Amino acid sequence: GAGAWSRKDVEDILFLGVMGVVIGGRIGYCLFYKPGYYLAHPLEIFAVWQGGMSFHGGLLGVIVSQLWFARSRHKQFWQVMDFVAPCVPPGLAAGRVGNFINGELWGRLADPGLPWGMVFPQSGSMQPRHPSQVYQFLLEGLLLFVLMWLYGRRQHKQAQVSAVFLIGYGVLRFVAEFFREPDNFLGLLALGMSMGQWLCVPMVLAGIGLWLWADRRNVA
C-alpha cells in the first residue's frame, strides 16, 4: 500500500514522472506526428515553446522514468506503476481544462443545432464545433479516475491497476477522438482513424495482455 512509500519516494516519483511526461511527450510528438520535419530540423525538437506534445509519448516517458526509479530504489516496478496510475487522470483533466481555456485542440464541426456547440476563433472558422476538450476532461479525466478508484478498492492483483488504466484510457481517448479535429498536417489515416486513435490500439491491447498476465501470476 501507500504506507510503504516515504515522502522522498513520492517526491522522486512525481519529479521523475513530470520529467518523463515532458521529455517523452516531446520526443513522442516529434516521432509519431512529424518525423520528417524534425529529422530535417533536429534542433527544433528543443523548441518546446512552439508547442507539440504527445500523450502516448509522455506515457512511454513515465514508464521509462519509473522503471529507473524502481531499479534504483529496489522497488517492484508494477508496485510503482499501480501507485502512479491513479494520479494520471487528474493531471489529464487539468491539461484538458487548460486546452479549453486556451482555445486549442478544438473539436470537429458540430451540427448547428447542438446546444453546446462552440465557436473557436483560432480554428479559422466561425462555425460551431464540438468542445472536445470538455469531452476529454469528462472521459479521460473524471470518468477514468472514478473507474480506477472503484477498481482499486476491490480485490486485484499487482499490475492490474496499471492494466485498467491502459485499457480505460485507450478506449475513452479512442471515443473522444471521434469528436476531436485531427491534426491538420496529418488528417485522418487508414480506416478513417486519427493518429491518436491508432496509438490507442496498441495501448488497449497491451492493457488486456497485462491484465491477463497479472491474473495468472500469484502476486497480489
C-alpha atoms as a PDB file:
ATOM      1  CA  GLY A   1       0.000   0.000   0.000  1.00  0.00           C
ATOM      2  CA  ALA A   2       0.878   3.678   0.027  1.00  0.00           C
ATOM      3  CA  GLY A   3       2.217   3.292   3.570  1.00  0.00           C
ATOM      4  CA  ALA A   4       5.325   1.692   2.089  1.00  0.00           C
ATOM      5  CA  TRP A   5       6.242   4.968   0.393  1.00  0.00           C
ATOM      6  CA  SER A   6       8.372   7.557   2.149  1.00  0.00           C
ATOM      7  CA  ARG A   7       7.894  11.243   1.423  1.00  0.00           C
ATOM      8  CA  LYS A   8      11.184  11.198  -0.504  1.00  0.00           C
ATOM      9  CA  ASP A   9       9.894   8.303  -2.626  1.00  0.00           C
ATOM     10  CA  VAL A  10       6.719  10.186  -3.500  1.00  0.00           C
ATOM     11  CA  GLU A  11       8.621  13.390  -4.322  1.00  0.00           C
ATOM     12  CA  ASP A  12      11.033  11.494  -6.575  1.00  0.00           C
ATOM     13  CA  ILE A  13       8.223   9.561  -8.269  1.00  0.00           C
ATOM     14  CA  LEU A  14       6.426  12.842  -9.027  1.00  0.00           C
ATOM     15  CA  PHE A  15       9.579  14.634 -10.204  1.00  0.00           C
ATOM     16  CA  LEU A  16      10.625  11.744 -12.449  1.00  0.00           C
ATOM     17  CA  GLY A  17       7.051  11.390 -13.672  1.00  0.00           C
ATOM     18  CA  VAL A  18       6.882  15.042 -14.721  1.00  0.00           C
ATOM     19  CA  MET A  19      10.278  14.774 -16.436  1.00  0.00           C
ATOM     20  CA  GLY A  20       9.097  11.623 -18.207  1.00  0.00           C
ATOM     21  CA  VAL A  21       5.909  13.336 -19.391  1.00  0.00           C
ATOM     22  CA  VAL A  22       7.745  16.403 -20.710  1.00  0.00           C
ATOM     23  CA  ILE A  23      10.676  14.637 -22.386  1.00  0.00           C
ATOM     24  CA  GLY A  24       8.684  11.607 -23.571  1.00  0.00           C
ATOM     25  CA  GLY A  25       5.760  13.770 -24.669  1.00  0.00           C
ATOM     26  CA  ARG A  26       8.024  15.964 -26.765  1.00  0.00           C
ATOM     27  CA  ILE A  27      10.032  13.127 -28.326  1.00  0.00           C
ATOM     28  CA  GLY A  28       6.803  11.196 -28.928  1.00  0.00           C
ATOM     29  CA  TYR A  29       5.237  14.151 -30.731  1.00  0.00           C
ATOM     30  CA  CYS A  30       8.307  14.524 -32.946  1.00  0.00           C
ATOM     31  CA  LEU A  31       8.457  10.787 -33.738  1.00  0.00           C
ATOM     32  CA  PHE A  32       4.745   9.962 -34.070  1.00  0.00           C
ATOM     33  CA  TYR A  33       3.397  13.131 -35.645  1.00  0.00           C
ATOM     34  CA  LYS A  34       6.148  14.958 -37.571  1.00  0.00           C
ATOM     35  CA  PRO A  35       9.170  12.656 -38.001  1.00  0.00           C
ATOM     36  CA  GLY A  36      10.195  14.039 -41.413  1.00  0.00           C
ATOM     37  CA  TYR A  37      10.122  17.646 -40.238  1.00  0.00           C
ATOM     38  CA  TYR A  38      12.193  17.046 -37.099  1.00  0.00           C
ATOM     39  CA  LEU A  39      14.733  14.884 -38.946  1.00  0.00           C
ATOM     40  CA  ALA A  40      15.264  17.864 -41.237  1.00  0.00           C
ATOM     41  CA  HIS A  41      15.268  20.374 -38.319  1.00  0.00           C
ATOM     42  CA  PRO A  42      16.626  18.394 -35.337  1.00  0.00           C
ATOM     43  CA  LEU A  43      17.353  21.450 -33.174  1.00  0.00           C
ATOM     44  CA  GLU A  44      13.658  22.378 -33.239  1.00  0.00           C
ATOM     45  CA  ILE A  45      12.975  19.297 -31.107  1.00  0.00           C
ATOM     46  CA  PHE A  46      14.142  21.518 -28.225  1.00  0.00           C
ATOM     47  CA  ALA A  47      11.840  24.401 -29.223  1.00  0.00           C
ATOM     48  CA  VAL A  48       9.146  23.285 -26.803  1.00  0.00           C
ATOM     49  CA  TRP A  49       7.637  26.787 -26.717  1.00  0.00           C
ATOM     50  CA  GLN A  50       6.382  26.132 -30.263  1.00  0.00           C
ATOM     51  CA  GLY A  51       4.080  23.501 -28.795  1.00  0.00           C
ATOM     52  CA  GLY A  52       3.710  19.876 -29.707  1.00  0.00           C
ATOM     53  CA  MET A  53       3.327  17.202 -27.032  1.00  0.00           C
ATOM     54  CA  SER A  54       2.056  13.644 -27.393  1.00  0.00           C
ATOM     55  CA  PHE A  55       0.239  11.900 -24.543  1.00  0.00           C
ATOM     56  CA  HIS A  56       1.322   8.488 -25.795  1.00  0.00           C
ATOM     57  CA  GLY A  57       4.960   9.641 -25.849  1.00  0.00           C
ATOM     58  CA  GLY A  58       4.540  11.046 -22.344  1.00  0.00           C
ATOM     59  CA  LEU A  59       3.220   7.676 -21.182  1.00  0.00           C
ATOM     60  CA  LEU A  60       6.325   5.934 -22.536  1.00  0.00           C
ATOM     61  CA  GLY A  61       8.455   8.571 -20.786  1.00  0.00           C
ATOM     62  CA  VAL A  62       6.700   7.884 -17.475  1.00  0.00           C
ATOM     63  CA  ILE A  63       7.211   4.126 -17.887  1.00  0.00           C
ATOM     64  CA  VAL A  64      10.953   4.606 -18.514  1.00  0.00           C
ATOM     65  CA  SER A  65      11.352   7.059 -15.611  1.00  0.00           C
ATOM     66  CA  GLN A  66       9.501   4.803 -13.154  1.00  0.00           C
ATOM     67  CA  LEU A  67      11.454   1.760 -14.334  1.00  0.00           C
ATOM     68  CA  TRP A  68      14.606   3.674 -13.408  1.00  0.00           C
ATOM     69  CA  PHE A  69      13.096   4.664 -10.037  1.00  0.00           C
ATOM     70  CA  ALA A  70      12.072   1.066  -9.262  1.00  0.00           C
ATOM     71  CA  ARG A  71      15.538  -0.242 -10.131  1.00  0.00           C
ATOM     72  CA  SER A  72      17.390   2.427  -8.151  1.00  0.00           C
ATOM     73  CA  ARG A  73      15.183   2.034  -5.037  1.00  0.00           C
ATOM     74  CA  HIS A  74      14.818  -1.755  -5.236  1.00  0.00           C
ATOM     75  CA  LYS A  75      11.042  -1.477  -5.541  1.00  0.00           C
ATOM     76  CA  GLN A  76       8.856  -3.674  -7.702  1.00  0.00           C
ATOM     77  CA  PHE A  77       8.128  -1.908 -10.986  1.00  0.00           C
ATOM     78  CA  TRP A  78       4.415  -2.803 -11.042  1.00  0.00           C
ATOM     79  CA  GLN A  79       4.017  -1.691  -7.452  1.00  0.00           C
ATOM     80  CA  VAL A  80       5.344   1.723  -8.525  1.00  0.00           C
ATOM     81  CA  MET A  81       3.152   1.857 -11.635  1.00  0.00           C
ATOM     82  CA  ASP A  82       0.000   0.881  -9.715  1.00  0.00           C
ATOM     83  CA  PHE A  83       0.768   3.760  -7.345  1.00  0.00           C
ATOM     84  CA  VAL A  84       1.315   6.232 -10.208  1.00  0.00           C
ATOM     85  CA  ALA A  85      -1.578   5.215 -12.497  1.00  0.00           C
ATOM     86  CA  PRO A  86      -4.483   6.688 -10.457  1.00  0.00           C
ATOM     87  CA  CYS A  87      -2.606  10.023 -10.288  1.00  0.00           C
ATOM     88  CA  VAL A  88      -2.675  10.393 -14.082  1.00  0.00           C
ATOM     89  CA  PRO A  89      -6.394  11.142 -14.774  1.00  0.00           C
ATOM     90  CA  PRO A  90      -6.490  14.268 -12.528  1.00  0.00           C
ATOM     91  CA  GLY A  91      -3.421  15.540 -14.392  1.00  0.00           C
ATOM     92  CA  LEU A  92      -5.096  14.812 -17.727  1.00  0.00           C
ATOM     93  CA  ALA A  93      -8.242  16.594 -16.541  1.00  0.00           C
ATOM     94  CA  ALA A  94      -6.219  19.699 -15.648  1.00  0.00           C
ATOM     95  CA  GLY A  95      -4.487  19.574 -19.042  1.00  0.00           C
ATOM     96  CA  ARG A  96      -7.785  19.428 -20.930  1.00  0.00           C
ATOM     97  CA  VAL A  97      -9.151  22.376 -18.940  1.00  0.00           C
ATOM     98  CA  GLY A  98      -6.003  24.252 -19.992  1.00  0.00           C
ATOM     99  CA  ASN A  99      -6.606  23.308 -23.641  1.00  0.00           C
ATOM    100  CA  PHE A 100     -10.184  24.553 -23.368  1.00  0.00           C
ATOM    101  CA  ILE A 101      -9.234  27.875 -21.759  1.00  0.00           C
ATOM    102  CA  ASN A 102      -6.528  28.420 -24.390  1.00  0.00           C
ATOM    103  CA  GLY A 103      -8.993  27.565 -27.167  1.00  0.00           C
ATOM    104  CA  GLU A 104      -6.686  24.867 -28.581  1.00  0.00           C
ATOM    105  CA  LEU A 105      -7.147  21.250 -29.699  1.00  0.00           C
ATOM    106  CA  TRP A 106     -10.753  22.001 -30.602  1.00  0.00           C
ATOM    107  CA  GLY A 107     -13.353  19.540 -31.834  1.00  0.00           C
ATOM    108  CA  ARG A 108     -14.763  18.716 -35.240  1.00  0.00           C
ATOM    109  CA  LEU A 109     -17.554  20.767 -36.792  1.00  0.00           C
ATOM    110  CA  ALA A 110     -20.811  20.164 -34.951  1.00  0.00           C
ATOM    111  CA  ASP A 111     -24.410  20.085 -36.081  1.00  0.00           C
ATOM    112  CA  PRO A 112     -25.617  23.724 -35.891  1.00  0.00           C
ATOM    113  CA  GLY A 113     -28.464  22.530 -33.649  1.00  0.00           C
ATOM    114  CA  LEU A 114     -26.097  21.113 -30.992  1.00  0.00           C
ATOM    115  CA  PRO A 115     -26.919  23.169 -27.850  1.00  0.00           C
ATOM    116  CA  TRP A 116     -23.342  23.130 -26.546  1.00  0.00           C
ATOM    117  CA  GLY A 117     -21.608  23.642 -29.910  1.00  0.00           C
ATOM    118  CA  MET A 118     -18.902  26.318 -29.552  1.00  0.00           C
ATOM    119  CA  VAL A 119     -17.009  28.633 -31.855  1.00  0.00           C
ATOM    120  CA  PHE A 120     -13.206  28.514 -31.542  1.00  0.00           C
ATOM    121  CA  PRO A 121     -11.906  31.606 -33.392  1.00  0.00           C
ATOM    122  CA  GLN A 122      -8.360  30.187 -33.655  1.00  0.00           C
ATOM    123  CA  SER A 123      -9.713  27.340 -35.776  1.00  0.00           C
ATOM    124  CA  GLY A 124     -10.192  29.819 -38.598  1.00  0.00           C
ATOM    125  CA  SER A 125     -13.922  29.209 -38.900  1.00  0.00           C
ATOM    126  CA  MET A 126     -16.890  30.721 -37.087  1.00  0.00           C
ATOM    127  CA  GLN A 127     -18.955  27.537 -37.315  1.00  0.00           C
ATOM    128  CA  PRO A 128     -19.862  25.738 -34.077  1.00  0.00           C
ATOM    129  CA  ARG A 129     -17.638  22.851 -33.105  1.00  0.00           C
ATOM    130  CA  HIS A 130     -17.696  20.098 -30.506  1.00  0.00           C
ATOM    131  CA  PRO A 131     -15.948  21.263 -27.306  1.00  0.00           C
ATOM    132  CA  SER A 132     -13.910  18.046 -27.445  1.00  0.00           C
ATOM    133  CA  GLN A 133     -11.562  19.262 -24.699  1.00  0.00           C
ATOM    134  CA  VAL A 134     -14.575  19.146 -22.339  1.00  0.00           C
ATOM    135  CA  TYR A 135     -15.459  15.653 -23.584  1.00  0.00           C
ATOM    136  CA  GLN A 136     -11.875  14.558 -22.915  1.00  0.00           C
ATOM    137  CA  PHE A 137     -11.948  16.198 -19.474  1.00  0.00           C
ATOM    138  CA  LEU A 138     -15.104  14.213 -18.631  1.00  0.00           C
ATOM    139  CA  LEU A 139     -13.924  10.920 -20.159  1.00  0.00           C
ATOM    140  CA  GLU A 140     -10.141  10.649 -19.654  1.00  0.00           C
ATOM    141  CA  GLY A 141     -10.154  12.819 -16.552  1.00  0.00           C
ATOM    142  CA  LEU A 142     -13.271  12.371 -14.449  1.00  0.00           C
ATOM    143  CA  LEU A 143     -14.712   9.042 -15.639  1.00  0.00           C
ATOM    144  CA  LEU A 144     -11.331   7.302 -15.819  1.00  0.00           C
ATOM    145  CA  PHE A 145     -10.436   8.499 -12.309  1.00  0.00           C
ATOM    146  CA  VAL A 146     -13.736   7.167 -10.915  1.00  0.00           C
ATOM    147  CA  LEU A 147     -13.276   3.832 -12.717  1.00  0.00           C
ATOM    148  CA  MET A 148      -9.744   3.457 -11.377  1.00  0.00           C
ATOM    149  CA  TRP A 149     -10.759   4.436  -7.855  1.00  0.00           C
ATOM    150  CA  LEU A 150     -13.586   1.870  -7.883  1.00  0.00           C
ATOM    151  CA  TYR A 151     -11.338  -0.829  -9.351  1.00  0.00           C
ATOM    152  CA  GLY A 152      -8.542  -0.080  -6.883  1.00  0.00           C
ATOM    153  CA  ARG A 153     -10.913  -0.644  -3.953  1.00  0.00           C
ATOM    154  CA  ARG A 154     -11.750  -4.190  -4.941  1.00  0.00           C
ATOM    155  CA  GLN A 155      -9.504  -7.228  -4.765  1.00  0.00           C
ATOM    156  CA  HIS A 156      -6.982  -7.225  -7.595  1.00  0.00           C
ATOM    157  CA  LYS A 157      -3.518  -8.457  -8.409  1.00  0.00           C
ATOM    158  CA  GLN A 158      -0.377  -6.416  -8.845  1.00  0.00           C
ATOM    159  CA  ALA A 159      -0.162  -4.648 -12.245  1.00  0.00           C
ATOM    160  CA  GLN A 160      -3.926  -4.839 -12.809  1.00  0.00           C
ATOM    161  CA  VAL A 161      -4.497  -1.207 -11.784  1.00  0.00           C
ATOM    162  CA  SER A 162      -1.953  -0.234 -14.456  1.00  0.00           C
ATOM    163  CA  ALA A 163      -3.699  -2.536 -16.929  1.00  0.00           C
ATOM    164  CA  VAL A 164      -7.095  -0.957 -16.215  1.00  0.00           C
ATOM    165  CA  PHE A 165      -5.552   2.465 -16.835  1.00  0.00           C
ATOM    166  CA  LEU A 166      -4.176   1.384 -20.235  1.00  0.00           C
ATOM    167  CA  ILE A 167      -7.488  -0.161 -21.311  1.00  0.00           C
ATOM    168  CA  GLY A 168      -9.632   2.638 -19.864  1.00  0.00           C
ATOM    169  CA  TYR A 169      -7.596   5.498 -21.280  1.00  0.00           C
ATOM    170  CA  GLY A 170      -7.209   3.791 -24.648  1.00  0.00           C
ATOM    171  CA  VAL A 171     -10.949   3.164 -25.046  1.00  0.00           C
ATOM    172  CA  LEU A 172     -12.072   6.580 -23.745  1.00  0.00           C
ATOM    173  CA  ARG A 173      -9.500   8.519 -25.793  1.00  0.00           C
ATOM    174  CA  PHE A 174     -10.490   6.468 -28.855  1.00  0.00           C
ATOM    175  CA  VAL A 175     -14.121   7.539 -28.360  1.00  0.00           C
ATOM    176  CA  ALA A 176     -13.221  11.189 -27.713  1.00  0.00           C
ATOM    177  CA  GLU A 177     -11.106  11.328 -30.884  1.00  0.00           C
ATOM    178  CA  PHE A 178     -14.268  10.956 -32.987  1.00  0.00           C
ATOM    179  CA  PHE A 179     -15.189  14.471 -31.833  1.00  0.00           C
ATOM    180  CA  ARG A 180     -11.715  15.998 -31.906  1.00  0.00           C
ATOM    181  CA  GLU A 181     -10.400  17.742 -35.010  1.00  0.00           C
ATOM    182  CA  PRO A 182      -7.474  15.644 -36.311  1.00  0.00           C
ATOM    183  CA  ASP A 183      -4.101  17.367 -36.751  1.00  0.00           C
ATOM    184  CA  ASN A 184      -4.367  19.378 -39.958  1.00  0.00           C
ATOM    185  CA  PHE A 185      -0.958  18.185 -41.218  1.00  0.00           C
ATOM    186  CA  LEU A 186      -1.991  14.531 -40.778  1.00  0.00           C
ATOM    187  CA  GLY A 187      -5.754  14.427 -41.250  1.00  0.00           C
ATOM    188  CA  LEU A 188      -7.341  11.012 -40.888  1.00  0.00           C
ATOM    189  CA  LEU A 189      -5.202   7.961 -41.562  1.00  0.00           C
ATOM    190  CA  ALA A 190      -6.116   4.387 -42.567  1.00  0.00           C
ATOM    191  CA  LEU A 191      -9.695   3.252 -41.818  1.00  0.00           C
ATOM    192  CA  GLY A 192     -10.695   6.885 -41.238  1.00  0.00           C
ATOM    193  CA  MET A 193      -8.921   6.870 -37.865  1.00  0.00           C
ATOM    194  CA  SER A 194      -6.774   9.651 -36.418  1.00  0.00           C
ATOM    195  CA  MET A 195      -3.190   9.199 -35.224  1.00  0.00           C
ATOM    196  CA  GLY A 196      -4.496   9.476 -31.635  1.00  0.00           C
ATOM    197  CA  GLN A 197      -6.840   6.547 -32.283  1.00  0.00           C
ATOM    198  CA  TRP A 198      -4.176   4.410 -33.924  1.00  0.00           C
ATOM    199  CA  LEU A 199      -1.894   4.983 -30.930  1.00  0.00           C
ATOM    200  CA  CYS A 200      -4.722   3.826 -28.625  1.00  0.00           C
ATOM    201  CA  VAL A 201      -4.995   0.417 -30.307  1.00  0.00           C
ATOM    202  CA  PRO A 202      -1.642  -0.994 -29.070  1.00  0.00           C
ATOM    203  CA  MET A 203      -2.330   0.654 -25.703  1.00  0.00           C
ATOM    204  CA  VAL A 204      -5.618  -1.232 -25.209  1.00  0.00           C
ATOM    205  CA  LEU A 205      -4.091  -4.497 -26.456  1.00  0.00           C
ATOM    206  CA  ALA A 206      -1.134  -4.058 -24.079  1.00  0.00           C
ATOM    207  CA  GLY A 207      -3.568  -3.368 -21.223  1.00  0.00           C
ATOM    208  CA  ILE A 208      -5.576  -6.524 -21.931  1.00  0.00           C
ATOM    209  CA  GLY A 209      -2.376  -8.579 -22.216  1.00  0.00           C
ATOM    210  CA  LEU A 210      -1.028  -7.100 -18.978  1.00  0.00           C
ATOM    211  CA  TRP A 211      -4.277  -7.783 -17.098  1.00  0.00           C
ATOM    212  CA  LEU A 212      -4.347 -11.421 -18.226  1.00  0.00           C
ATOM    213  CA  TRP A 213      -0.641 -11.866 -17.426  1.00  0.00           C
ATOM    214  CA  ALA A 214      -1.137 -10.344 -13.956  1.00  0.00           C
ATOM    215  CA  ASP A 215      -4.201 -12.519 -13.374  1.00  0.00           C
ATOM    216  CA  ARG A 216      -2.133 -15.661 -13.928  1.00  0.00           C
ATOM    217  CA  ARG A 217       0.622 -14.570 -11.560  1.00  0.00           C
ATOM    218  CA  ASN A 218       0.181 -15.073  -7.854  1.00  0.00           C
ATOM    219  CA  VAL A 219       1.352 -11.605  -6.820  1.00  0.00           C
ATOM    220  CA  ALA A 220      -1.452  -9.767  -5.030  1.00  0.00           C
END
